[in-house]
Every structure is written in structure tokens, then in C-alpha cells.
Amino acid sequence: TVPILTKDANYLVTAADTGAIIKNTALVSATFTLPGAVAGYNYCIYNYAGTDVIIEFTDANDVALNEVNSPGDSVTNTTAYDSICLTAIDATNWGTISSVGTWADGN
């Protein structure tokens, strides 16, 4: 089974959360800060509430491939039921494995 973490506020995602689906239920914006990239870490963020979801990267050198292209940029979404799954493919780059909806460069 895949762990489902329901979060209704900002959340500092941990290495122990790898493989989890993080479900946003915040009534206002929520920021999920990923740990520094380590090859194999993977997380899916699900915008259940339809509020502002911001995915930040702990390491200013991290890059979210396919979504943004500058180190340290965030990824954002505002639409209910949209989701994104990110996997660290090395010590710097997070690759978008799948996404539903529009996830944009937040910086």
C-alpha cells in the first residue's frame, strides 16, 4: 500500500515520507517543502482542496525538470484534484514522473 499523508497546513516533507501521496486539505495556501534531492526519493502531491499548493525545494540548487528550469524555483497549482509526482533522479534534479493539470513555475 502507498501511505497517504493528509496535510491541512504547510509541511516539511521528510526523507521518511518517500513513496507517499501527500493530500492537501488546507483551506488557504499550503507549502510543501521537499528535502534535498537524493536519487530515488519520490513524492506525489494531490491538491484535494483546490487552494494554492506550493512545492518548495530545500536545496537552492535543486531543479524540477519538466515544470521549472531554474535552481530553487518552486512549483505551484491552484486547481482541485490536480496532482504531481516528483522523483529525485540524482542529487540535484527532481523529475516529473506524472502530473495532472497545470503546475507552474512559482518564482
PDB file of N, CA and C in Angstrom:
ATOM      1  N   THR A   1       0.831  -1.184   0.000  1.00  0.00           N
ATOM      2  CA  THR A   1       0.000   0.000   0.000  1.00  0.00           C
ATOM      3  C   THR A   1       0.873   1.244   0.000  1.00  0.00           C
ATOM      4  N   VAL A   2       0.319   2.313  -0.474  1.00  0.00           N
ATOM      5  CA  VAL A   2       1.019   3.599  -0.513  1.00  0.00           C
ATOM      6  C   VAL A   2       0.495   4.448   0.644  1.00  0.00           C
ATOM      7  N   PRO A   3       1.392   5.009   1.457  1.00  0.00           N
ATOM      8  CA  PRO A   3       0.912   5.880   2.530  1.00  0.00           C
ATOM      9  C   PRO A   3       0.285   7.155   1.983  1.00  0.00           C
ATOM     10  N   ILE A   4      -0.837   7.561   2.578  1.00  0.00           N
ATOM     11  CA  ILE A   4      -1.498   8.817   2.240  1.00  0.00           C
ATOM     12  C   ILE A   4      -1.346   9.734   3.449  1.00  0.00           C
ATOM     13  N   LEU A   5      -0.668  10.860   3.261  1.00  0.00           N
ATOM     14  CA  LEU A   5      -0.463  11.830   4.335  1.00  0.00           C
ATOM     15  C   LEU A   5      -1.399  13.008   4.079  1.00  0.00           C
ATOM     16  N   THR A   6      -2.378  13.218   4.936  1.00  0.00           N
ATOM     17  CA  THR A   6      -3.313  14.330   4.780  1.00  0.00           C
ATOM     18  C   THR A   6      -2.774  15.526   5.556  1.00  0.00           C
ATOM     19  N   LYS A   7      -2.579  16.640   4.862  1.00  0.00           N
ATOM     20  CA  LYS A   7      -1.997  17.838   5.466  1.00  0.00           C
ATOM     21  C   LYS A   7      -2.896  19.041   5.208  1.00  0.00           C
ATOM     22  N   ASP A   8      -3.202  19.780   6.282  1.00  0.00           N
ATOM     23  CA  ASP A   8      -4.058  20.961   6.142  1.00  0.00           C
ATOM     24  C   ASP A   8      -3.311  22.257   6.431  1.00  0.00           C
ATOM     25  N   ALA A   9      -1.977  22.197   6.367  1.00  0.00           N
ATOM     26  CA  ALA A   9      -1.134  23.371   6.597  1.00  0.00           C
ATOM     27  C   ALA A   9       0.214  23.124   5.930  1.00  0.00           C
ATOM     28  N   ASN A  10       1.102  24.107   6.023  1.00  0.00           N
ATOM     29  CA  ASN A  10       2.449  23.940   5.495  1.00  0.00           C
ATOM     30  C   ASN A  10       3.073  22.688   6.102  1.00  0.00           C
ATOM     31  N   TYR A  11       3.916  22.018   5.314  1.00  0.00           N
ATOM     32  CA  TYR A  11       4.505  20.770   5.785  1.00  0.00           C
ATOM     33  C   TYR A  11       5.920  20.626   5.257  1.00  0.00           C
ATOM     34  N   LEU A  12       6.839  20.287   6.151  1.00  0.00           N
ATOM     35  CA  LEU A  12       8.224  19.992   5.790  1.00  0.00           C
ATOM     36  C   LEU A  12       8.302  18.498   5.520  1.00  0.00           C
ATOM     37  N   VAL A  13       8.347  18.116   4.262  1.00  0.00           N
ATOM     38  CA  VAL A  13       8.367  16.721   3.859  1.00  0.00           C
ATOM     39  C   VAL A  13       9.704  16.107   4.286  1.00  0.00           C
ATOM     40  N   THR A  14       9.671  14.891   4.812  1.00  0.00           N
ATOM     41  CA  THR A  14      10.889  14.243   5.301  1.00  0.00           C
ATOM     42  C   THR A  14      11.310  13.101   4.385  1.00  0.00           C
ATOM     43  N   ALA A  15      12.534  12.658   4.558  1.00  0.00           N
ATOM     44  CA  ALA A  15      13.033  11.500   3.816  1.00  0.00           C
ATOM     45  C   ALA A  15      12.179  10.278   4.120  1.00  0.00           C
ATOM     46  N   ALA A  16      11.694  10.159   5.343  1.00  0.00           N
ATOM     47  CA  ALA A  16      10.865   9.018   5.739  1.00  0.00           C
ATOM     48  C   ALA A  16       9.526   8.999   5.002  1.00  0.00           C
ATOM     49  N   ASP A  17       9.110  10.115   4.419  1.00  0.00           N
ATOM     50  CA  ASP A  17       7.849  10.201   3.678  1.00  0.00           C
ATOM     51  C   ASP A  17       7.974   9.697   2.244  1.00  0.00           C
ATOM     52  N   THR A  18       9.188   9.325   1.809  1.00  0.00           N
ATOM     53  CA  THR A  18       9.357   8.923   0.413  1.00  0.00           C
ATOM     54  C   THR A  18       8.367   7.818   0.055  1.00  0.00           C
ATOM     55  N   GLY A  19       7.800   7.935  -1.142  1.00  0.00           N
ATOM     56  CA  GLY A  19       6.811   6.988  -1.618  1.00  0.00           C
ATOM     57  C   GLY A  19       5.384   7.364  -1.269  1.00  0.00           C
ATOM     58  N   ALA A  20       5.203   8.406  -0.479  1.00  0.00           N
ATOM     59  CA  ALA A  20       3.870   8.797  -0.017  1.00  0.00           C
ATOM     60  C   ALA A  20       3.149   9.694  -1.015  1.00  0.00           C
ATOM     61  N   ILE A  21       1.821   9.667  -0.905  1.00  0.00           N
ATOM     62  CA  ILE A  21       0.976  10.656  -1.554  1.00  0.00           C
ATOM     63  C   ILE A  21       0.615  11.669  -0.474  1.00  0.00           C
ATOM     64  N   ILE A  22       0.884  12.932  -0.744  1.00  0.00           N
ATOM     65  CA  ILE A  22       0.594  13.991   0.223  1.00  0.00           C
ATOM     66  C   ILE A  22      -0.648  14.730  -0.276  1.00  0.00           C
ATOM     67  N   LYS A  23      -1.717  14.612   0.493  1.00  0.00           N
ATOM     68  CA  LYS A  23      -3.026  15.154   0.118  1.00  0.00           C
ATOM     69  C   LYS A  23      -3.238  16.494   0.815  1.00  0.00           C
ATOM     70  N   ASN A  24      -3.366  17.549   0.027  1.00  0.00           N
ATOM     71  CA  ASN A  24      -3.586  18.886   0.568  1.00  0.00           C
ATOM     72  C   ASN A  24      -5.064  19.097   0.866  1.00  0.00           C
ATOM     73  N   THR A  25      -5.382  19.417   2.133  1.00  0.00           N
ATOM     74  CA  THR A  25      -6.763  19.749   2.508  1.00  0.00           C
ATOM     75  C   THR A  25      -6.840  21.140   3.128  1.00  0.00           C
ATOM     76  N   ALA A  26      -5.795  21.945   2.945  1.00  0.00           N
ATOM     77  CA  ALA A  26      -5.740  23.285   3.540  1.00  0.00           C
ATOM     78  C   ALA A  26      -6.825  24.183   2.965  1.00  0.00           C
ATOM     79  N   LEU A  27      -7.417  25.013   3.819  1.00  0.00           N
ATOM     80  CA  LEU A  27      -8.438  25.956   3.371  1.00  0.00           C
ATOM     81  C   LEU A  27      -7.833  27.184   2.715  1.00  0.00           C
ATOM     82  N   VAL A  28      -6.573  27.433   2.972  1.00  0.00           N
ATOM     83  CA  VAL A  28      -5.817  28.501   2.325  1.00  0.00           C
ATOM     84  C   VAL A  28      -4.570  27.861   1.724  1.00  0.00           C
ATOM     85  N   SER A  29      -3.636  28.643   1.273  1.00  0.00           N
ATOM     86  CA  SER A  29      -2.464  28.067   0.623  1.00  0.00           C
ATOM     87  C   SER A  29      -1.653  27.192   1.579  1.00  0.00           C
ATOM     88  N   ALA A  30      -0.998  26.192   1.002  1.00  0.00           N
ATOM     89  CA  ALA A  30      -0.123  25.307   1.765  1.00  0.00           C
ATOM     90  C   ALA A  30       1.168  25.129   0.986  1.00  0.00           C
ATOM     91  N   THR A  31       2.287  25.183   1.701  1.00  0.00           N
ATOM     92  CA  THR A  31       3.600  24.970   1.100  1.00  0.00           C
ATOM     93  C   THR A  31       4.148  23.643   1.595  1.00  0.00           C
ATOM     94  N   PHE A  32       4.542  22.808   0.648  1.00  0.00           N
ATOM     95  CA  PHE A  32       5.179  21.539   0.963  1.00  0.00           C
ATOM     96  C   PHE A  32       6.637  21.660   0.544  1.00  0.00           C
ATOM     97  N   THR A  33       7.536  21.585   1.508  1.00  0.00           N
ATOM     98  CA  THR A  33       8.957  21.745   1.242  1.00  0.00           C
ATOM     99  C   THR A  33       9.614  20.376   1.195  1.00  0.00           C
ATOM    100  N   LEU A  34      10.139  20.024   0.018  1.00  0.00           N
ATOM    101  CA  LEU A  34      10.779  18.730  -0.154  1.00  0.00           C
ATOM    102  C   LEU A  34      12.179  18.749   0.444  1.00  0.00           C
ATOM    103  N   PRO A  35      12.668  17.593   0.881  1.00  0.00           N
ATOM    104  CA  PRO A  35      14.053  17.531   1.348  1.00  0.00           C
ATOM    105  C   PRO A  35      14.998  17.694   0.157  1.00  0.00           C
ATOM    106  N   GLY A  36      16.268  17.875   0.414  1.00  0.00           N
ATOM    107  CA  GLY A  36      17.252  17.937  -0.667  1.00  0.00           C
ATOM    108  C   GLY A  36      17.174  16.671  -1.503  1.00  0.00           C
ATOM    109  N   ALA A  37      17.409  16.816  -2.799  1.00  0.00           N
ATOM    110  CA  ALA A  37      17.303  15.675  -3.709  1.00  0.00           C
ATOM    111  C   ALA A  37      18.320  14.590  -3.360  1.00  0.00           C
ATOM    112  N   VAL A  38      17.839  13.368  -3.271  1.00  0.00           N
ATOM    113  CA  VAL A  38      18.655  12.164  -3.136  1.00  0.00           C
ATOM    114  C   VAL A  38      18.053  11.169  -4.116  1.00  0.00           C
ATOM    115  N   ALA A  39      18.867  10.643  -5.007  1.00  0.00           N
ATOM    116  CA  ALA A  39      18.351   9.754  -6.048  1.00  0.00           C
ATOM    117  C   ALA A  39      17.411   8.703  -5.455  1.00  0.00           C
ATOM    118  N   GLY A  40      16.201   8.652  -6.006  1.00  0.00           N
ATOM    119  CA  GLY A  40      15.214   7.677  -5.573  1.00  0.00           C
ATOM    120  C   GLY A  40      14.127   8.223  -4.673  1.00  0.00           C
ATOM    121  N   TYR A  41      14.351   9.364  -4.014  1.00  0.00           N
ATOM    122  CA  TYR A  41      13.260   9.954  -3.227  1.00  0.00           C
ATOM    123  C   TYR A  41      12.109  10.254  -4.182  1.00  0.00           C
ATOM    124  N   ASN A  42      10.873   9.977  -3.749  1.00  0.00           N
ATOM    125  CA  ASN A  42       9.733  10.256  -4.615  1.00  0.00           C
ATOM    126  C   ASN A  42       8.502  10.585  -3.785  1.00  0.00           C
ATOM    127  N   TYR A  43       7.751  11.568  -4.278  1.00  0.00           N
ATOM    128  CA  TYR A  43       6.561  12.064  -3.588  1.00  0.00           C
ATOM    129  C   TYR A  43       5.524  12.466  -4.626  1.00  0.00           C
ATOM    130  N   CYS A  44       4.256  12.251  -4.296  1.00  0.00           N
ATOM    131  CA  CYS A  44       3.158  12.745  -5.110  1.00  0.00           C
ATOM    132  C   CYS A  44       2.371  13.731  -4.255  1.00  0.00           C
ATOM    133  N   ILE A  45       2.050  14.868  -4.830  1.00  0.00           N
ATOM    134  CA  ILE A  45       1.266  15.896  -4.146  1.00  0.00           C
ATOM    135  C   ILE A  45      -0.088  15.961  -4.849  1.00  0.00           C
ATOM    136  N   TYR A  46      -1.163  15.894  -4.051  1.00  0.00           N
ATOM    137  CA  TYR A  46      -2.525  15.878  -4.575  1.00  0.00           C
ATOM    138  C   TYR A  46      -3.272  17.082  -4.014  1.00  0.00           C
ATOM    139  N   ASN A  47      -3.707  17.977  -4.903  1.00  0.00           N
ATOM    140  CA  ASN A  47      -4.398  19.192  -4.492  1.00  0.00           C
ATOM    141  C   ASN A  47      -5.888  18.900  -4.313  1.00  0.00           C
ATOM    142  N   TYR A  48      -6.237  18.297  -3.207  1.00  0.00           N
ATOM    143  CA  TYR A  48      -7.615  17.907  -2.930  1.00  0.00           C
ATOM    144  C   TYR A  48      -8.522  19.113  -2.691  1.00  0.00           C
ATOM    145  N   ALA A  49      -7.979  20.153  -2.052  1.00  0.00           N
ATOM    146  CA  ALA A  49      -8.791  21.301  -1.632  1.00  0.00           C
ATOM    147  C   ALA A  49      -9.005  22.345  -2.722  1.00  0.00           C
ATOM    148  N   GLY A  50      -8.171  22.365  -3.742  1.00  0.00           N
ATOM    149  CA  GLY A  50      -8.303  23.383  -4.777  1.00  0.00           C
ATOM    150  C   GLY A  50      -7.798  24.750  -4.343  1.00  0.00           C
ATOM    151  N   THR A  51      -6.952  24.785  -3.333  1.00  0.00           N
ATOM    152  CA  THR A  51      -6.333  26.038  -2.894  1.00  0.00           C
ATOM    153  C   THR A  51      -4.909  26.098  -3.431  1.00  0.00           C
ATOM    154  N   ASP A  52      -4.212  27.184  -3.161  1.00  0.00           N
ATOM    155  CA  ASP A  52      -2.832  27.320  -3.632  1.00  0.00           C
ATOM    156  C   ASP A  52      -1.948  26.260  -2.996  1.00  0.00           C
ATOM    157  N   VAL A  53      -1.306  25.461  -3.832  1.00  0.00           N
ATOM    158  CA  VAL A  53      -0.320  24.488  -3.378  1.00  0.00           C
ATOM    159  C   VAL A  53       1.022  24.923  -3.939  1.00  0.00           C
ATOM    160  N   ILE A  54       1.996  25.031  -3.061  1.00  0.00           N
ATOM    161  CA  ILE A  54       3.341  25.429  -3.453  1.00  0.00           C
ATOM    162  C   ILE A  54       4.289  24.322  -3.032  1.00  0.00           C
ATOM    163  N   ILE A  55       5.104  23.858  -3.969  1.00  0.00           N
ATOM    164  CA  ILE A  55       6.124  22.870  -3.658  1.00  0.00           C
ATOM    165  C   ILE A  55       7.462  23.594  -3.710  1.00  0.00           C
ATOM    166  N   GLU A  56       8.100  23.665  -2.556  1.00  0.00           N
ATOM    167  CA  GLU A  56       9.411  24.316  -2.448  1.00  0.00           C
ATOM    168  C   GLU A  56      10.491  23.249  -2.346  1.00  0.00           C
ATOM    169  N   PHE A  57      11.689  23.631  -2.696  1.00  0.00           N
ATOM    170  CA  PHE A  57      12.839  22.737  -2.629  1.00  0.00           C
ATOM    171  C   PHE A  57      13.797  23.251  -1.568  1.00  0.00           C
ATOM    172  N   THR A  58      14.203  22.375  -0.652  1.00  0.00           N
ATOM    173  CA  THR A  58      15.087  22.758   0.448  1.00  0.00           C
ATOM    174  C   THR A  58      16.408  23.294  -0.076  1.00  0.00           C
ATOM    175  N   ASP A  59      16.948  22.620  -1.063  1.00  0.00           N
ATOM    176  CA  ASP A  59      18.252  22.970  -1.600  1.00  0.00           C
ATOM    177  C   ASP A  59      18.064  23.955  -2.753  1.00  0.00           C
ATOM    178  N   ALA A  60      18.678  25.113  -2.661  1.00  0.00           N
ATOM    179  CA  ALA A  60      18.544  26.140  -3.699  1.00  0.00           C
ATOM    180  C   ALA A  60      19.096  25.684  -5.045  1.00  0.00           C
ATOM    181  N   ASN A  61      19.846  24.584  -5.072  1.00  0.00           N
ATOM    182  CA  ASN A  61      20.392  24.076  -6.326  1.00  0.00           C
ATOM    183  C   ASN A  61      19.468  23.091  -7.021  1.00  0.00           C
ATOM    184  N   ASP A  62      18.422  22.632  -6.319  1.00  0.00           N
ATOM    185  CA  ASP A  62      17.526  21.637  -6.906  1.00  0.00           C
ATOM    186  C   ASP A  62      16.716  22.226  -8.060  1.00  0.00           C
ATOM    187  N   VAL A  63      16.477  21.395  -9.058  1.00  0.00           N
ATOM    188  CA  VAL A  63      15.719  21.796 -10.234  1.00  0.00           C
ATOM    189  C   VAL A  63      14.599  20.784 -10.467  1.00  0.00           C
ATOM    190  N   ALA A  64      13.382  21.262 -10.683  1.00  0.00           N
ATOM    191  CA  ALA A  64      12.251  20.390 -11.019  1.00  0.00           C
ATOM    192  C   ALA A  64      12.147  20.317 -12.536  1.00  0.00           C
ATOM    193  N   LEU A  65      12.642  19.251 -13.101  1.00  0.00           N
ATOM    194  CA  LEU A  65      12.614  19.084 -14.550  1.00  0.00           C
ATOM    195  C   LEU A  65      11.190  18.954 -15.037  1.00  0.00           C
ATOM    196  N   ASN A  66      10.924  19.444 -16.214  1.00  0.00           N
ATOM    197  CA  ASN A  66       9.616  19.423 -16.879  1.00  0.00           C
ATOM    198  C   ASN A  66       8.634  20.443 -16.304  1.00  0.00           C
ATOM    199  N   GLU A  67       8.917  21.032 -15.185  1.00  0.00           N
ATOM    200  CA  GLU A  67       7.996  22.005 -14.593  1.00  0.00           C
ATOM    201  C   GLU A  67       8.639  23.388 -14.521  1.00  0.00           C
ATOM    202  N   VAL A  68       9.823  23.454 -14.010  1.00  0.00           N
ATOM    203  CA  VAL A  68      10.570  24.706 -13.941  1.00  0.00           C
ATOM    204  C   VAL A  68      11.999  24.384 -14.354  1.00  0.00           C
ATOM    205  N   ASN A  69      12.774  25.391 -14.662  1.00  0.00           N
ATOM    206  CA  ASN A  69      14.120  25.087 -15.132  1.00  0.00           C
ATOM    207  C   ASN A  69      15.205  25.900 -14.459  1.00  0.00           C
ATOM    208  N   SER A  70      14.894  26.545 -13.369  1.00  0.00           N
ATOM    209  CA  SER A  70      15.910  27.322 -12.664  1.00  0.00           C
ATOM    210  C   SER A  70      16.097  26.760 -11.260  1.00  0.00           C
ATOM    211  N   PRO A  71      17.336  26.655 -10.793  1.00  0.00           N
ATOM    212  CA  PRO A  71      17.573  26.133  -9.458  1.00  0.00           C
ATOM    213  C   PRO A  71      16.791  26.896  -8.396  1.00  0.00           C
ATOM    214  N   GLY A  72      16.174  26.157  -7.487  1.00  0.00           N
ATOM    215  CA  GLY A  72      15.482  26.752  -6.353  1.00  0.00           C
ATOM    216  C   GLY A  72      14.078  27.239  -6.621  1.00  0.00           C
ATOM    217  N   ASP A  73      13.626  27.199  -7.879  1.00  0.00           N
ATOM    218  CA  ASP A  73      12.256  27.631  -8.183  1.00  0.00           C
ATOM    219  C   ASP A  73      11.242  26.703  -7.524  1.00  0.00           C
ATOM    220  N   SER A  74      10.093  27.237  -7.214  1.00  0.00           N
ATOM    221  CA  SER A  74       9.012  26.413  -6.678  1.00  0.00           C
ATOM    222  C   SER A  74       8.076  25.994  -7.805  1.00  0.00           C
ATOM    223  N   VAL A  75       7.183  25.056  -7.487  1.00  0.00           N
ATOM    224  CA  VAL A  75       6.164  24.583  -8.413  1.00  0.00           C
ATOM    225  C   VAL A  75       4.821  24.872  -7.754  1.00  0.00           C
ATOM    226  N   THR A  76       3.855  25.418  -8.503  1.00  0.00           N
ATOM    227  CA  THR A  76       2.573  25.801  -7.910  1.00  0.00           C
ATOM    228  C   THR A  76       1.383  25.263  -8.705  1.00  0.00           C
ATOM    229  N   ASN A  77       0.239  25.172  -7.996  1.00  0.00           N
ATOM    230  CA  ASN A  77      -1.017  24.748  -8.597  1.00  0.00           C
ATOM    231  C   ASN A  77      -2.158  25.294  -7.758  1.00  0.00           C
ATOM    232  N   THR A  78      -3.310  25.550  -8.409  1.00  0.00           N
ATOM    233  CA  THR A  78      -4.470  26.085  -7.679  1.00  0.00           C
ATOM    234  C   THR A  78      -5.767  25.340  -7.977  1.00  0.00           C
ATOM    235  N   THR A  79      -5.696  24.183  -8.598  1.00  0.00           N
ATOM    236  CA  THR A  79      -6.895  23.510  -9.078  1.00  0.00           C
ATOM    237  C   THR A  79      -7.163  22.205  -8.330  1.00  0.00           C
ATOM    238  N   ALA A  80      -8.383  22.070  -7.837  1.00  0.00           N
ATOM    239  CA  ALA A  80      -8.769  20.849  -7.120  1.00  0.00           C
ATOM    240  C   ALA A  80      -8.569  19.617  -7.994  1.00  0.00           C
ATOM    241  N   TYR A  81      -8.067  18.573  -7.367  1.00  0.00           N
ATOM    242  CA  TYR A  81      -7.860  17.243  -7.941  1.00  0.00           C
ATOM    243  C   TYR A  81      -6.685  17.150  -8.902  1.00  0.00           C
ATOM    244  N   ASP A  82      -5.898  18.209  -9.028  1.00  0.00           N
ATOM    245  CA  ASP A  82      -4.658  18.112  -9.796  1.00  0.00           C
ATOM    246  C   ASP A  82      -3.600  17.442  -8.929  1.00  0.00           C
ATOM    247  N   SER A  83      -2.629  16.820  -9.574  1.00  0.00           N
ATOM    248  CA  SER A  83      -1.578  16.132  -8.831  1.00  0.00           C
ATOM    249  C   SER A  83      -0.273  16.158  -9.608  1.00  0.00           C
ATOM    250  N   ILE A  84       0.814  15.930  -8.875  1.00  0.00           N
ATOM    251  CA  ILE A  84       2.133  15.840  -9.489  1.00  0.00           C
ATOM    252  C   ILE A  84       2.961  14.838  -8.693  1.00  0.00           C
ATOM    253  N   CYS A  85       3.709  14.018  -9.407  1.00  0.00           N
ATOM    254  CA  CYS A  85       4.617  13.068  -8.775  1.00  0.00           C
ATOM    255  C   CYS A  85       6.039  13.406  -9.215  1.00  0.00           C
ATOM    256  N   LEU A  86       6.899  13.629  -8.234  1.00  0.00           N
ATOM    257  CA  LEU A  86       8.288  14.007  -8.482  1.00  0.00           C
ATOM    258  C   LEU A  86       9.219  12.936  -7.915  1.00  0.00           C
ATOM    259  N   THR A  87      10.258  12.610  -8.660  1.00  0.00           N
ATOM    260  CA  THR A  87      11.285  11.675  -8.201  1.00  0.00           C
ATOM    261  C   THR A  87      12.644  12.322  -8.390  1.00  0.00           C
ATOM    262  N   ALA A  88      13.481  12.245  -7.363  1.00  0.00           N
ATOM    263  CA  ALA A  88      14.846  12.751  -7.489  1.00  0.00           C
ATOM    264  C   ALA A  88      15.629  11.760  -8.342  1.00  0.00           C
ATOM    265  N   ILE A  89      16.143  12.235  -9.462  1.00  0.00           N
ATOM    266  CA  ILE A  89      16.878  11.346 -10.360  1.00  0.00           C
ATOM    267  C   ILE A  89      18.381  11.379 -10.102  1.00  0.00           C
ATOM    268  N   ASP A  90      18.824  12.334  -9.284  1.00  0.00           N
ATOM    269  CA  ASP A  90      20.202  12.410  -8.817  1.00  0.00           C
ATOM    270  C   ASP A  90      20.222  13.378  -7.645  1.00  0.00           C
ATOM    271  N   ALA A  91      21.376  13.896  -7.282  1.00  0.00           N
ATOM    272  CA  ALA A  91      21.484  14.757  -6.103  1.00  0.00           C
ATOM    273  C   ALA A  91      21.089  16.207  -6.362  1.00  0.00           C
ATOM    274  N   THR A  92      20.610  16.523  -7.551  1.00  0.00           N
ATOM    275  CA  THR A  92      20.218  17.885  -7.890  1.00  0.00           C
ATOM    276  C   THR A  92      18.850  17.978  -8.545  1.00  0.00           C
ATOM    277  N   ASN A  93      18.494  17.018  -9.359  1.00  0.00           N
ATOM    278  CA  ASN A  93      17.323  17.134 -10.227  1.00  0.00           C
ATOM    279  C   ASN A  93      16.149  16.273  -9.790  1.00  0.00           C
ATOM    280  N   TRP A  94      14.984  16.928  -9.715  1.00  0.00           N
ATOM    281  CA  TRP A  94      13.710  16.250  -9.486  1.00  0.00           C
ATOM    282  C   TRP A  94      13.015  16.130 -10.831  1.00  0.00           C
ATOM    283  N   GLY A  95      12.692  14.929 -11.237  1.00  0.00           N
ATOM    284  CA  GLY A  95      11.981  14.726 -12.496  1.00  0.00           C
ATOM    285  C   GLY A  95      10.494  14.568 -12.252  1.00  0.00           C
ATOM    286  N   THR A  96       9.696  15.118 -13.154  1.00  0.00           N
ATOM    287  CA  THR A  96       8.255  14.945 -13.083  1.00  0.00           C
ATOM    288  C   THR A  96       7.927  13.597 -13.704  1.00  0.00           C
ATOM    289  N   ILE A  97       7.450  12.670 -12.887  1.00  0.00           N
ATOM    290  CA  ILE A  97       7.093  11.344 -13.364  1.00  0.00           C
ATOM    291  C   ILE A  97       5.690  11.367 -13.967  1.00  0.00           C
ATOM    292  N   SER A  98       4.798  12.106 -13.321  1.00  0.00           N
ATOM    293  CA  SER A  98       3.458  12.291 -13.868  1.00  0.00           C
ATOM    294  C   SER A  98       2.863  13.555 -13.299  1.00  0.00           C
ATOM    295  N   SER A  99       1.916  14.131 -14.023  1.00  0.00           N
ATOM    296  CA  SER A  99       1.192  15.287 -13.496  1.00  0.00           C
ATOM    297  C   SER A  99      -0.173  15.364 -14.162  1.00  0.00           C
ATOM    298  N   VAL A 100      -1.112  15.879 -13.402  1.00  0.00           N
ATOM    299  CA  VAL A 100      -2.459  16.137 -13.892  1.00  0.00           C
ATOM    300  C   VAL A 100      -2.716  17.617 -13.665  1.00  0.00           C
ATOM    301  N   GLY A 101      -3.164  18.329 -14.674  1.00  0.00           N
ATOM    302  CA  GLY A 101      -3.420  19.757 -14.538  1.00  0.00           C
ATOM    303  C   GLY A 101      -2.186  20.574 -14.825  1.00  0.00           C
ATOM    304  N   THR A 102      -2.274  21.861 -14.476  1.00  0.00           N
ATOM    305  CA  THR A 102      -1.194  22.809 -14.749  1.00  0.00           C
ATOM    306  C   THR A 102      -0.395  23.076 -13.492  1.00  0.00           C
ATOM    307  N   TRP A 103       0.870  22.721 -13.529  1.00  0.00           N
ATOM    308  CA  TRP A 103       1.818  23.010 -12.456  1.00  0.00           C
ATOM    309  C   TRP A 103       2.812  23.996 -13.028  1.00  0.00           C
ATOM    310  N   ALA A 104       2.947  25.139 -12.398  1.00  0.00           N
ATOM    311  CA  ALA A 104       3.712  26.241 -12.975  1.00  0.00           C
ATOM    312  C   ALA A 104       4.922  26.610 -12.126  1.00  0.00           C
ATOM    313  N   ASP A 105       5.818  27.353 -12.745  1.00  0.00           N
ATOM    314  CA  ASP A 105       6.972  27.929 -12.058  1.00  0.00           C
ATOM    315  C   ASP A 105       6.460  28.976 -11.084  1.00  0.00           C
ATOM    316  N   GLY A 106       6.773  28.797  -9.803  1.00  0.00           N
ATOM    317  CA  GLY A 106       6.274  29.706  -8.784  1.00  0.00           C
ATOM    318  C   GLY A 106       7.189  30.862  -8.451  1.00  0.00           C
ATOM    319  N   ASN A 107       8.377  30.934  -9.017  1.00  0.00           N
ATOM    320  CA  ASN A 107       9.293  32.044  -8.707  1.00  0.00           C
ATOM    321  C   ASN A 107       9.622  32.796  -9.973  1.00  0.00           C
TER     322      ASN A 107
END
